[in-house]
Amino acid sequence: MSAFVIAALVVLTASSGAVFKPGPWYEELQRPNWTPPNWAFPVVWSILYILIGVSGWIVWQAQGVGLAMGLWLLQLILNAAWSWLFFGMKRMDLAFVDVCALFLSILAYIAAASVISPLAALLFAPYAVWVATAATLNRAVWRLNPSAASS
């Protein structure tokens, strides 16, 4: 897998957030007072996607196909699914399940990657923190707006 393929996979994942945007439905929802400002999301995600790509490239270069790369691909899929579930389908419940699975896949990747490259694992640490925050926010918004979730 080339750096181009890794970059393309990361861009494809990121595009889910561009396709399924918050929009008026989200703007009308009650959110906790600790919700990050809207401008923070694209800034943070841009940085995280760079770290995700670099980490995947390091692991790919060091090991190629293996458990760590499988987990790297899994977290991309779960990452892309979240925007579709939360903003596209307006299923805060399914999005919460997805973001929890995403968090677990990130932790599993960190564990698998740490044996291959401590740097690759370390590059995922900010991602884990942000996704834990996102999961907490997802749950809080769902709790504050039980009737706004499609089911």
Protein backbone atom coordinates (compact mmCIF):
# COMPACT_ATOMS: atom_id res chain seq x y z
CA MET A 1 0.00 0.00 0.00
CA SER A 2 1.45 3.31 -1.00
CA ALA A 3 1.35 6.60 0.86
CA PHE A 4 -1.14 7.69 -1.79
CA VAL A 5 -3.54 4.86 -0.89
CA ILE A 6 -3.28 5.62 2.82
CA ALA A 7 -3.88 9.32 2.16
CA ALA A 8 -6.84 8.49 -0.10
CA LEU A 9 -8.41 6.29 2.58
CA VAL A 10 -8.02 9.04 5.16
CA VAL A 11 -9.49 11.66 2.80
CA LEU A 12 -12.38 9.32 1.96
CA THR A 13 -13.06 8.88 5.68
CA ALA A 14 -12.88 12.64 6.27
CA SER A 15 -15.30 13.25 3.43
CA SER A 16 -18.05 11.60 5.45
CA GLY A 17 -17.98 14.62 7.74
CA ALA A 18 -18.18 16.92 4.71
CA VAL A 19 -21.13 15.03 3.22
CA PHE A 20 -23.09 14.58 6.45
CA LYS A 21 -22.90 18.01 8.08
CA PRO A 22 -24.59 19.17 11.28
CA GLY A 23 -27.12 21.47 9.59
CA PRO A 24 -30.32 22.97 11.00
CA TRP A 25 -31.38 19.76 12.83
CA TYR A 26 -28.23 19.80 14.94
CA GLU A 27 -28.31 23.55 15.49
CA GLU A 28 -31.77 23.22 17.08
CA LEU A 29 -30.67 20.53 19.52
CA GLN A 30 -29.88 21.28 23.13
CA ARG A 31 -26.18 20.76 23.79
CA PRO A 32 -24.20 20.76 27.02
CA ASN A 33 -22.48 24.03 27.91
CA TRP A 34 -19.07 22.37 27.49
CA THR A 35 -19.68 21.65 23.79
CA PRO A 36 -16.64 22.80 21.80
CA PRO A 37 -17.30 25.74 19.46
CA ASN A 38 -18.25 24.82 15.88
CA TRP A 39 -14.94 26.11 14.47
CA ALA A 40 -12.99 23.64 16.66
CA PHE A 41 -14.30 20.52 14.93
CA PRO A 42 -12.76 21.00 11.46
CA VAL A 43 -9.50 22.27 12.98
CA VAL A 44 -9.14 19.34 15.37
CA TRP A 45 -10.25 16.76 12.82
CA SER A 46 -7.81 18.07 10.21
CA ILE A 47 -4.94 17.60 12.63
CA LEU A 48 -6.21 14.19 13.73
CA TYR A 49 -6.57 12.95 10.14
CA ILE A 50 -2.95 13.88 9.47
CA LEU A 51 -1.87 11.95 12.58
CA ILE A 52 -4.05 8.99 11.58
CA GLY A 53 -2.48 8.89 8.13
CA VAL A 54 1.10 9.21 9.39
CA SER A 55 0.52 6.52 12.00
CA GLY A 56 -0.96 4.15 9.44
CA TRP A 57 1.93 4.81 7.07
CA ILE A 58 4.51 4.07 9.79
CA VAL A 59 2.82 0.78 10.67
CA TRP A 60 2.41 -0.15 7.01
CA GLN A 61 6.08 0.53 6.31
CA ALA A 62 7.17 -1.47 9.35
CA GLN A 63 4.85 -4.47 9.07
CA GLY A 64 2.48 -4.33 6.12
CA VAL A 65 -0.64 -6.45 6.41
CA GLY A 66 -1.31 -7.49 9.97
CA LEU A 67 -3.50 -6.96 12.99
CA ALA A 68 -2.50 -3.33 13.45
CA MET A 69 -3.38 -2.41 9.86
CA GLY A 70 -6.65 -4.31 10.15
CA LEU A 71 -7.50 -2.25 13.22
CA TRP A 72 -6.37 0.91 11.44
CA LEU A 73 -8.83 0.16 8.61
CA LEU A 74 -11.59 -0.74 11.07
CA GLN A 75 -11.29 2.58 12.88
CA LEU A 76 -11.53 4.41 9.54
CA ILE A 77 -14.78 2.60 8.73
CA LEU A 78 -16.26 3.32 12.16
CA ASN A 79 -15.07 6.92 11.95
CA ALA A 80 -16.77 7.45 8.58
CA ALA A 81 -19.97 5.77 9.77
CA TRP A 82 -20.46 8.13 12.71
CA SER A 83 -21.32 11.27 10.66
CA TRP A 84 -23.73 9.26 8.54
CA LEU A 85 -25.44 7.78 11.61
CA PHE A 86 -25.58 10.97 13.70
CA PHE A 87 -26.15 13.71 11.12
CA GLY A 88 -27.40 11.72 8.12
CA MET A 89 -29.78 9.28 9.78
CA LYS A 90 -30.26 11.36 12.95
CA ARG A 91 -29.74 8.18 14.95
CA MET A 92 -27.96 9.41 18.05
CA ASP A 93 -28.36 5.97 19.62
CA LEU A 94 -26.63 4.10 16.79
CA ALA A 95 -24.03 6.85 16.51
CA PHE A 96 -23.26 6.38 20.20
CA VAL A 97 -22.76 2.64 19.72
CA ASP A 98 -20.54 3.41 16.73
CA VAL A 99 -18.41 5.99 18.56
CA CYS A 100 -17.92 3.58 21.47
CA ALA A 101 -16.81 0.88 19.04
CA LEU A 102 -14.55 3.47 17.39
CA PHE A 103 -12.97 4.30 20.74
CA LEU A 104 -12.34 0.62 21.46
CA SER A 105 -10.85 0.10 18.00
CA ILE A 106 -8.53 3.08 18.57
CA LEU A 107 -7.35 1.60 21.87
CA ALA A 108 -6.85 -1.79 20.21
CA TYR A 109 -4.86 -0.15 17.41
CA ILE A 110 -2.70 1.70 19.93
CA ALA A 111 -1.95 -1.59 21.70
CA ALA A 112 -1.17 -3.42 18.44
CA ALA A 113 0.85 -0.53 16.98
CA SER A 114 2.88 0.01 20.14
CA VAL A 115 4.68 -3.29 19.53
CA ILE A 116 5.52 -2.22 15.97
CA SER A 117 6.23 1.49 16.51
CA PRO A 118 5.79 3.40 19.76
CA LEU A 119 5.59 6.59 17.67
CA ALA A 120 2.71 5.24 15.58
CA ALA A 121 0.85 4.36 18.77
CA LEU A 122 1.59 7.74 20.33
CA LEU A 123 0.22 9.54 17.27
CA PHE A 124 -3.17 8.00 18.06
CA ALA A 125 -3.28 9.30 21.66
CA PRO A 126 -4.86 12.69 20.79
CA TYR A 127 -7.37 10.84 18.60
CA ALA A 128 -8.36 8.62 21.52
CA VAL A 129 -8.87 11.65 23.76
CA TRP A 130 -10.94 13.48 21.14
CA VAL A 131 -13.11 10.44 20.39
CA ALA A 132 -13.72 9.89 24.12
CA THR A 133 -14.85 13.52 24.27
CA ALA A 134 -17.01 13.01 21.16
CA ALA A 135 -18.61 9.92 22.70
CA THR A 136 -19.40 11.86 25.86
CA LEU A 137 -20.85 14.71 23.80
CA ASN A 138 -22.87 12.27 21.65
CA ARG A 139 -24.37 10.72 24.78
CA ALA A 140 -25.08 14.11 26.37
CA VAL A 141 -26.85 15.45 23.26
CA TRP A 142 -28.85 12.22 22.96
CA ARG A 143 -29.86 12.48 26.64
CA LEU A 144 -30.81 16.15 26.31
CA ASN A 145 -32.89 15.55 23.15
CA PRO A 146 -34.60 12.15 23.45
CA SER A 147 -37.44 13.08 21.10
CA ALA A 148 -35.08 14.41 18.39
CA ALA A 149 -33.52 11.03 17.69
CA SER A 150 -35.02 9.01 14.86
CA SER A 151 -35.78 5.44 15.76
